Amino acid sequence: FEDPMGDAMNINLYSDEELKKFSISISKIERWLKKRDIEYILVIAPNKHTIYSEFLPDYIKKHNNMSATDQLVSYLHKHTSINVVDLRQPLLDMKHKQTLYYKTDTHWNSYGANIAQYEIMKKVNSLFSLPVDARLLEENEFNTSKTLSNGDLAGYAKLDNLSEVDPFPIFKDKCDVTSIPKTYKYNETHIKLCKDKWLKALIFRDSFFIALEPYFDNYFAKATYIWEKSSYS
């Protein structure tokens, strides 16, 4: 977070001790939840430079073959039973079909979130006996009439009046969602209710979940969104 270019060059790697401490900490959370019949899923949302590294300047070169994310995913698979959803390869596989991240912003758009939600829900379905009807939306199932103005990258570069297409998913069987509270800021804790569904989800999230939220609103009977680090205390 503090050094994205260092991350892009695979300079900021974890030590064995850091990987061990993280795996112990997250495994404690998983066990605490498991005792209460709650499944835990760790989702890794890649930064844009991970998916579109070909657009970085030529002087941004890899110093190591393995990234910090490679280290973490490998360590967790080897030493824990954590359910990890690593979204890097699914996004890389689909980036030639659609632009998955905003050009003027660091985040994925609804096309990228579409791939992410499908991969996450496949993992959810593998953990429960009554699967959710998860699917990947087709390109014609997005409203492309709206635009995003002045994304965060444009702001960092002091560029004004930049805009681009801001696709939004159109759901054929959209749930009649109830919000609690009715109005909230994007980073405030809030709940979405859909009476026709059955699973419940507690989601500790950051800004990458803004584009994911419309999908999840239609999957869960109750989805609680909390903008902070996960904790069982």
C-alpha atoms as a PDB file:
ATOM      1  CA  PHE A   1       0.000   0.000   0.000  1.00  0.00           C
ATOM      2  CA  GLU A   2       2.843   2.393   0.797  1.00  0.00           C
ATOM      3  CA  ASP A   3       5.039   1.426  -2.164  1.00  0.00           C
ATOM      4  CA  PRO A   4       3.035   0.135  -5.144  1.00  0.00           C
ATOM      5  CA  MET A   5       5.969   0.423  -7.545  1.00  0.00           C
ATOM      6  CA  GLY A   6       8.142  -1.611  -5.191  1.00  0.00           C
ATOM      7  CA  ASP A   7       5.353  -4.173  -5.147  1.00  0.00           C
ATOM      8  CA  ALA A   8       5.187  -4.119  -8.951  1.00  0.00           C
ATOM      9  CA  MET A   9       8.927  -4.848  -9.119  1.00  0.00           C
ATOM     10  CA  ASN A  10       8.631  -7.670  -6.540  1.00  0.00           C
ATOM     11  CA  ILE A  11      10.987  -5.854  -4.174  1.00  0.00           C
ATOM     12  CA  ASN A  12       8.714  -5.791  -1.110  1.00  0.00           C
ATOM     13  CA  LEU A  13       8.773  -9.438  -0.132  1.00  0.00           C
ATOM     14  CA  TYR A  14       7.748 -11.068   3.150  1.00  0.00           C
ATOM     15  CA  SER A  15      10.198 -12.703   5.500  1.00  0.00           C
ATOM     16  CA  ASP A  16       9.530 -16.259   6.658  1.00  0.00           C
ATOM     17  CA  GLU A  17       8.721 -14.871  10.096  1.00  0.00           C
ATOM     18  CA  GLU A  18       6.145 -12.447   8.678  1.00  0.00           C
ATOM     19  CA  LEU A  19       4.464 -15.215   6.698  1.00  0.00           C
ATOM     20  CA  LYS A  20       4.376 -17.424   9.778  1.00  0.00           C
ATOM     21  CA  LYS A  21       2.884 -14.681  11.975  1.00  0.00           C
ATOM     22  CA  PHE A  22       0.209 -13.882   9.407  1.00  0.00           C
ATOM     23  CA  SER A  23      -0.770 -17.516   8.918  1.00  0.00           C
ATOM     24  CA  ILE A  24      -1.035 -18.063  12.677  1.00  0.00           C
ATOM     25  CA  SER A  25      -3.161 -14.943  13.106  1.00  0.00           C
ATOM     26  CA  ILE A  26      -5.548 -15.697  10.271  1.00  0.00           C
ATOM     27  CA  SER A  27      -5.817 -19.371  11.240  1.00  0.00           C
ATOM     28  CA  LYS A  28      -6.992 -18.303  14.705  1.00  0.00           C
ATOM     29  CA  ILE A  29      -9.799 -16.338  13.084  1.00  0.00           C
ATOM     30  CA  GLU A  30     -10.704 -19.288  10.855  1.00  0.00           C
ATOM     31  CA  ARG A  31     -10.858 -21.712  13.812  1.00  0.00           C
ATOM     32  CA  TRP A  32     -12.936 -19.289  15.899  1.00  0.00           C
ATOM     33  CA  LEU A  33     -15.436 -19.010  13.042  1.00  0.00           C
ATOM     34  CA  LYS A  34     -15.422 -22.738  12.313  1.00  0.00           C
ATOM     35  CA  LYS A  35     -16.560 -23.503  15.848  1.00  0.00           C
ATOM     36  CA  ARG A  36     -19.621 -21.391  15.088  1.00  0.00           C
ATOM     37  CA  ASP A  37     -20.305 -23.092  11.735  1.00  0.00           C
ATOM     38  CA  ILE A  38     -19.081 -20.067   9.807  1.00  0.00           C
ATOM     39  CA  GLU A  39     -16.930 -20.489   6.704  1.00  0.00           C
ATOM     40  CA  TYR A  40     -14.065 -18.049   6.216  1.00  0.00           C
ATOM     41  CA  ILE A  41     -12.858 -16.955   2.767  1.00  0.00           C
ATOM     42  CA  LEU A  42      -9.837 -14.737   2.117  1.00  0.00           C
ATOM     43  CA  VAL A  43     -10.120 -12.846  -1.181  1.00  0.00           C
ATOM     44  CA  ILE A  44      -7.096 -11.252  -2.824  1.00  0.00           C
ATOM     45  CA  ALA A  45      -7.980  -8.317  -5.088  1.00  0.00           C
ATOM     46  CA  PRO A  46      -4.974  -7.474  -7.293  1.00  0.00           C
ATOM     47  CA  ASN A  47      -3.850  -3.928  -7.959  1.00  0.00           C
ATOM     48  CA  LYS A  48      -4.217  -2.740 -11.539  1.00  0.00           C
ATOM     49  CA  HIS A  49      -0.483  -2.914 -12.256  1.00  0.00           C
ATOM     50  CA  THR A  50      -0.594  -6.656 -11.558  1.00  0.00           C
ATOM     51  CA  ILE A  51      -3.115  -7.204 -14.372  1.00  0.00           C
ATOM     52  CA  TYR A  52      -1.879  -4.526 -16.795  1.00  0.00           C
ATOM     53  CA  SER A  53       1.864  -4.570 -16.127  1.00  0.00           C
ATOM     54  CA  GLU A  54       2.576  -4.093 -19.852  1.00  0.00           C
ATOM     55  CA  PHE A  55       1.493  -0.456 -19.539  1.00  0.00           C
ATOM     56  CA  LEU A  56       4.079   0.385 -16.866  1.00  0.00           C
ATOM     57  CA  PRO A  57       7.236   2.302 -17.892  1.00  0.00           C
ATOM     58  CA  ASP A  58      10.130   0.179 -19.151  1.00  0.00           C
ATOM     59  CA  TYR A  59      12.234   0.987 -16.088  1.00  0.00           C
ATOM     60  CA  ILE A  60       9.738  -0.851 -13.857  1.00  0.00           C
ATOM     61  CA  LYS A  61      11.367  -4.280 -14.003  1.00  0.00           C
ATOM     62  CA  LYS A  62      10.887  -7.376 -11.859  1.00  0.00           C
ATOM     63  CA  HIS A  63      13.684  -7.878  -9.323  1.00  0.00           C
ATOM     64  CA  ASN A  64      12.384 -11.304  -8.263  1.00  0.00           C
ATOM     65  CA  ASN A  65      10.347 -13.992  -9.994  1.00  0.00           C
ATOM     66  CA  MET A  66       8.054 -14.356  -6.977  1.00  0.00           C
ATOM     67  CA  SER A  67       5.843 -11.547  -5.683  1.00  0.00           C
ATOM     68  CA  ALA A  68       4.687 -10.966  -2.125  1.00  0.00           C
ATOM     69  CA  THR A  69       1.262 -12.298  -3.133  1.00  0.00           C
ATOM     70  CA  ASP A  70       2.878 -15.427  -4.599  1.00  0.00           C
ATOM     71  CA  GLN A  71       4.651 -15.918  -1.284  1.00  0.00           C
ATOM     72  CA  LEU A  72       1.496 -15.474   0.766  1.00  0.00           C
ATOM     73  CA  VAL A  73      -0.757 -17.700  -1.337  1.00  0.00           C
ATOM     74  CA  SER A  74       1.859 -20.450  -1.475  1.00  0.00           C
ATOM     75  CA  TYR A  75       2.479 -20.310   2.276  1.00  0.00           C
ATOM     76  CA  LEU A  76      -1.221 -20.385   3.161  1.00  0.00           C
ATOM     77  CA  HIS A  77      -1.872 -23.340   0.853  1.00  0.00           C
ATOM     78  CA  LYS A  78       1.045 -25.237   2.340  1.00  0.00           C
ATOM     79  CA  HIS A  79       0.601 -24.465   6.038  1.00  0.00           C
ATOM     80  CA  THR A  80      -3.093 -23.684   6.583  1.00  0.00           C
ATOM     81  CA  SER A  81      -6.600 -24.724   5.555  1.00  0.00           C
ATOM     82  CA  ILE A  82      -7.655 -21.147   4.707  1.00  0.00           C
ATOM     83  CA  ASN A  83     -10.032 -20.830   1.747  1.00  0.00           C
ATOM     84  CA  VAL A  84      -8.124 -18.449  -0.522  1.00  0.00           C
ATOM     85  CA  VAL A  85      -9.604 -16.887  -3.653  1.00  0.00           C
ATOM     86  CA  ASP A  86      -6.707 -15.508  -5.701  1.00  0.00           C
ATOM     87  CA  LEU A  87      -8.259 -13.418  -8.474  1.00  0.00           C
ATOM     88  CA  ARG A  88      -5.105 -12.681 -10.431  1.00  0.00           C
ATOM     89  CA  GLN A  89      -5.236 -15.444 -13.034  1.00  0.00           C
ATOM     90  CA  PRO A  90      -8.984 -15.216 -13.771  1.00  0.00           C
ATOM     91  CA  LEU A  91      -8.576 -11.481 -14.422  1.00  0.00           C
ATOM     92  CA  LEU A  92      -5.473 -12.013 -16.552  1.00  0.00           C
ATOM     93  CA  ASP A  93      -7.330 -14.647 -18.580  1.00  0.00           C
ATOM     94  CA  MET A  94     -10.197 -12.250 -19.354  1.00  0.00           C
ATOM     95  CA  LYS A  95      -8.449  -8.894 -19.785  1.00  0.00           C
ATOM     96  CA  HIS A  96      -8.254  -9.254 -23.590  1.00  0.00           C
ATOM     97  CA  LYS A  97     -12.075  -9.409 -23.810  1.00  0.00           C
ATOM     98  CA  GLN A  98     -12.928  -6.288 -21.803  1.00  0.00           C
ATOM     99  CA  THR A  99     -11.194  -3.420 -20.021  1.00  0.00           C
ATOM    100  CA  LEU A 100     -11.424  -4.672 -16.444  1.00  0.00           C
ATOM    101  CA  TYR A 101     -10.039  -1.651 -14.578  1.00  0.00           C
ATOM    102  CA  TYR A 102     -10.756   2.040 -14.985  1.00  0.00           C
ATOM    103  CA  LYS A 103      -8.163   3.934 -17.002  1.00  0.00           C
ATOM    104  CA  THR A 104      -8.372   7.011 -14.753  1.00  0.00           C
ATOM    105  CA  ASP A 105      -8.689   5.126 -11.455  1.00  0.00           C
ATOM    106  CA  THR A 106      -6.827   2.423  -9.526  1.00  0.00           C
ATOM    107  CA  HIS A 107      -9.867   0.168  -9.075  1.00  0.00           C
ATOM    108  CA  TRP A 108     -11.503  -2.477 -11.199  1.00  0.00           C
ATOM    109  CA  ASN A 109     -14.772  -1.552 -12.877  1.00  0.00           C
ATOM    110  CA  SER A 110     -17.942  -3.656 -12.996  1.00  0.00           C
ATOM    111  CA  TYR A 111     -16.475  -5.838 -15.743  1.00  0.00           C
ATOM    112  CA  GLY A 112     -13.587  -6.760 -13.462  1.00  0.00           C
ATOM    113  CA  ALA A 113     -15.936  -7.127 -10.495  1.00  0.00           C
ATOM    114  CA  ASN A 114     -18.079  -9.470 -12.593  1.00  0.00           C
ATOM    115  CA  ILE A 115     -15.167 -11.897 -12.889  1.00  0.00           C
ATOM    116  CA  ALA A 116     -14.296 -11.447  -9.227  1.00  0.00           C
ATOM    117  CA  GLN A 117     -17.830 -12.129  -7.977  1.00  0.00           C
ATOM    118  CA  TYR A 118     -18.076 -15.289 -10.058  1.00  0.00           C
ATOM    119  CA  GLU A 119     -14.802 -16.693  -8.719  1.00  0.00           C
ATOM    120  CA  ILE A 120     -15.767 -15.830  -5.133  1.00  0.00           C
ATOM    121  CA  MET A 121     -19.197 -17.398  -5.462  1.00  0.00           C
ATOM    122  CA  LYS A 122     -17.723 -20.576  -6.956  1.00  0.00           C
ATOM    123  CA  LYS A 123     -15.728 -20.905  -3.735  1.00  0.00           C
ATOM    124  CA  VAL A 124     -18.856 -20.173  -1.661  1.00  0.00           C
ATOM    125  CA  ASN A 125     -20.737 -22.861  -3.552  1.00  0.00           C
ATOM    126  CA  SER A 126     -18.007 -25.402  -2.874  1.00  0.00           C
ATOM    127  CA  LEU A 127     -18.499 -24.903   0.867  1.00  0.00           C
ATOM    128  CA  PHE A 128     -22.282 -25.273   1.131  1.00  0.00           C
ATOM    129  CA  SER A 129     -24.701 -28.060   0.232  1.00  0.00           C
ATOM    130  CA  LEU A 130     -27.306 -25.680  -1.225  1.00  0.00           C
ATOM    131  CA  PRO A 131     -25.416 -23.741  -3.882  1.00  0.00           C
ATOM    132  CA  VAL A 132     -26.121 -20.155  -4.862  1.00  0.00           C
ATOM    133  CA  ASP A 133     -27.089 -19.567  -8.488  1.00  0.00           C
ATOM    134  CA  ALA A 134     -23.883 -17.745  -9.383  1.00  0.00           C
ATOM    135  CA  ARG A 135     -23.118 -16.808 -12.945  1.00  0.00           C
ATOM    136  CA  LEU A 136     -20.874 -14.634 -15.069  1.00  0.00           C
ATOM    137  CA  LEU A 137     -22.813 -11.797 -16.681  1.00  0.00           C
ATOM    138  CA  GLU A 138     -22.523 -11.360 -20.450  1.00  0.00           C
ATOM    139  CA  GLU A 139     -21.270  -8.130 -22.003  1.00  0.00           C
ATOM    140  CA  ASN A 140     -24.787  -7.106 -23.066  1.00  0.00           C
ATOM    141  CA  GLU A 141     -25.922  -7.246 -19.425  1.00  0.00           C
ATOM    142  CA  PHE A 142     -24.272  -3.946 -18.506  1.00  0.00           C
ATOM    143  CA  ASN A 143     -25.510  -0.380 -18.690  1.00  0.00           C
ATOM    144  CA  THR A 144     -22.746   1.624 -20.374  1.00  0.00           C
ATOM    145  CA  SER A 145     -24.551   4.958 -20.569  1.00  0.00           C
ATOM    146  CA  LYS A 146     -22.976   6.357 -17.397  1.00  0.00           C
ATOM    147  CA  THR A 147     -19.488   7.790 -17.057  1.00  0.00           C
ATOM    148  CA  LEU A 148     -16.893   8.034 -14.311  1.00  0.00           C
ATOM    149  CA  SER A 149     -15.400  11.515 -14.001  1.00  0.00           C
ATOM    150  CA  ASN A 150     -11.982  12.263 -12.545  1.00  0.00           C
ATOM    151  CA  GLY A 151     -10.920   8.922 -11.070  1.00  0.00           C
ATOM    152  CA  ASP A 152      -8.341   8.815  -8.294  1.00  0.00           C
ATOM    153  CA  LEU A 153      -5.375   8.430 -10.685  1.00  0.00           C
ATOM    154  CA  ALA A 154      -6.536  11.482 -12.606  1.00  0.00           C
ATOM    155  CA  GLY A 155      -6.669  13.347  -9.312  1.00  0.00           C
ATOM    156  CA  TYR A 156      -3.149  12.266  -8.344  1.00  0.00           C
ATOM    157  CA  ALA A 157      -1.914  13.518 -11.732  1.00  0.00           C
ATOM    158  CA  LYS A 158      -3.772  16.844 -11.317  1.00  0.00           C
ATOM    159  CA  LEU A 159      -5.799  16.154 -14.478  1.00  0.00           C
ATOM    160  CA  ASP A 160      -9.338  17.523 -14.602  1.00  0.00           C
ATOM    161  CA  ASN A 161     -12.323  16.818 -16.814  1.00  0.00           C
ATOM    162  CA  LEU A 162     -11.347  13.243 -17.657  1.00  0.00           C
ATOM    163  CA  SER A 163     -14.167  10.755 -18.010  1.00  0.00           C
ATOM    164  CA  GLU A 164     -14.692   7.188 -19.186  1.00  0.00           C
ATOM    165  CA  VAL A 165     -17.443   4.600 -19.468  1.00  0.00           C
ATOM    166  CA  ASP A 166     -18.620   3.372 -16.070  1.00  0.00           C
ATOM    167  CA  PRO A 167     -20.411   0.047 -16.756  1.00  0.00           C
ATOM    168  CA  PHE A 168     -23.024  -1.157 -14.287  1.00  0.00           C
ATOM    169  CA  PRO A 169     -24.511  -4.684 -14.140  1.00  0.00           C
ATOM    170  CA  ILE A 170     -28.119  -5.264 -15.165  1.00  0.00           C
ATOM    171  CA  PHE A 171     -29.660  -8.218 -13.348  1.00  0.00           C
ATOM    172  CA  LYS A 172     -32.449 -10.161 -15.043  1.00  0.00           C
ATOM    173  CA  ASP A 173     -33.744 -11.424 -11.686  1.00  0.00           C
ATOM    174  CA  LYS A 174     -32.889  -8.495  -9.459  1.00  0.00           C
ATOM    175  CA  CYS A 175     -33.583  -8.882  -5.756  1.00  0.00           C
ATOM    176  CA  ASP A 176     -35.763  -6.298  -4.015  1.00  0.00           C
ATOM    177  CA  VAL A 177     -32.974  -5.194  -1.687  1.00  0.00           C
ATOM    178  CA  THR A 178     -33.623  -3.479   1.650  1.00  0.00           C
ATOM    179  CA  SER A 179     -30.804  -1.310   3.024  1.00  0.00           C
ATOM    180  CA  ILE A 180     -30.121  -0.749   6.718  1.00  0.00           C
ATOM    181  CA  PRO A 181     -29.740   2.165   7.197  1.00  0.00           C
ATOM    182  CA  LYS A 182     -31.577   3.455   4.134  1.00  0.00           C
ATOM    183  CA  THR A 183     -28.819   5.952   3.379  1.00  0.00           C
ATOM    184  CA  TYR A 184     -25.133   5.592   4.181  1.00  0.00           C
ATOM    185  CA  LYS A 185     -21.709   6.667   3.011  1.00  0.00           C
ATOM    186  CA  TYR A 186     -19.798   4.108   0.965  1.00  0.00           C
ATOM    187  CA  ASN A 187     -17.350   3.377   3.803  1.00  0.00           C
ATOM    188  CA  GLU A 188     -19.920   3.154   6.617  1.00  0.00           C
ATOM    189  CA  THR A 189     -21.120  -0.184   7.991  1.00  0.00           C
ATOM    190  CA  HIS A 190     -24.402  -1.177   6.376  1.00  0.00           C
ATOM    191  CA  ILE A 191     -26.613  -4.228   5.765  1.00  0.00           C
ATOM    192  CA  LYS A 192     -28.450  -5.392   2.653  1.00  0.00           C
ATOM    193  CA  LEU A 193     -31.404  -7.782   2.928  1.00  0.00           C
ATOM    194  CA  CYS A 194     -32.861  -9.994   0.208  1.00  0.00           C
ATOM    195  CA  LYS A 195     -35.728 -12.153   1.473  1.00  0.00           C
ATOM    196  CA  ASP A 196     -35.586 -14.645  -1.419  1.00  0.00           C
ATOM    197  CA  LYS A 197     -32.090 -15.917  -0.560  1.00  0.00           C
ATOM    198  CA  TRP A 198     -30.781 -18.043   2.315  1.00  0.00           C
ATOM    199  CA  LEU A 199     -27.057 -17.553   2.948  1.00  0.00           C
ATOM    200  CA  LYS A 200     -25.705 -14.775   5.152  1.00  0.00           C
ATOM    201  CA  ALA A 201     -22.363 -13.025   4.613  1.00  0.00           C
ATOM    202  CA  LEU A 202     -20.216 -10.792   6.795  1.00  0.00           C
ATOM    203  CA  ILE A 203     -17.816  -8.913   4.540  1.00  0.00           C
ATOM    204  CA  PHE A 204     -14.766  -7.046   5.774  1.00  0.00           C
ATOM    205  CA  ARG A 205     -13.901  -4.949   2.777  1.00  0.00           C
ATOM    206  CA  ASP A 206     -12.091  -1.991   1.278  1.00  0.00           C
ATOM    207  CA  SER A 207     -12.747   0.203  -1.755  1.00  0.00           C
ATOM    208  CA  PHE A 208     -12.455  -2.717  -4.199  1.00  0.00           C
ATOM    209  CA  PHE A 209     -15.789  -4.010  -2.906  1.00  0.00           C
ATOM    210  CA  ILE A 210     -17.718  -0.971  -4.124  1.00  0.00           C
ATOM    211  CA  ALA A 211     -18.088  -2.539  -7.585  1.00  0.00           C
ATOM    212  CA  LEU A 212     -18.699  -5.994  -6.074  1.00  0.00           C
ATOM    213  CA  GLU A 213     -21.526  -4.954  -3.770  1.00  0.00           C
ATOM    214  CA  PRO A 214     -24.364  -4.911  -6.363  1.00  0.00           C
ATOM    215  CA  TYR A 215     -23.614  -8.545  -7.193  1.00  0.00           C
ATOM    216  CA  PHE A 216     -23.479  -9.644  -3.566  1.00  0.00           C
ATOM    217  CA  ASP A 217     -26.730  -7.820  -2.764  1.00  0.00           C
ATOM    218  CA  ASN A 218     -28.445 -10.343  -5.034  1.00  0.00           C
ATOM    219  CA  TYR A 219     -26.773 -13.447  -3.607  1.00  0.00           C
ATOM    220  CA  PHE A 220     -27.375 -13.266   0.132  1.00  0.00           C
ATOM    221  CA  ALA A 221     -30.373 -13.060   2.452  1.00  0.00           C
ATOM    222  CA  LYS A 222     -28.286 -10.755   4.612  1.00  0.00           C
ATOM    223  CA  ALA A 223     -24.978  -9.158   3.637  1.00  0.00           C
ATOM    224  CA  THR A 224     -23.211  -6.984   6.199  1.00  0.00           C
ATOM    225  CA  TYR A 225     -20.452  -4.734   4.839  1.00  0.00           C
ATOM    226  CA  ILE A 226     -17.773  -3.490   7.239  1.00  0.00           C
ATOM    227  CA  TRP A 227     -14.924  -1.234   6.122  1.00  0.00           C
ATOM    228  CA  GLU A 228     -12.151  -2.339   8.476  1.00  0.00           C
ATOM    229  CA  LYS A 229      -9.864  -5.270   9.177  1.00  0.00           C
ATOM    230  CA  SER A 230     -11.533  -8.546  10.099  1.00  0.00           C
ATOM    231  CA  SER A 231     -11.624  -9.334  13.801  1.00  0.00           C
ATOM    232  CA  TYR A 232     -13.341 -11.787  16.110  1.00  0.00           C
ATOM    233  CA  SER A 233     -12.780  -9.737  19.274  1.00  0.00           C
END
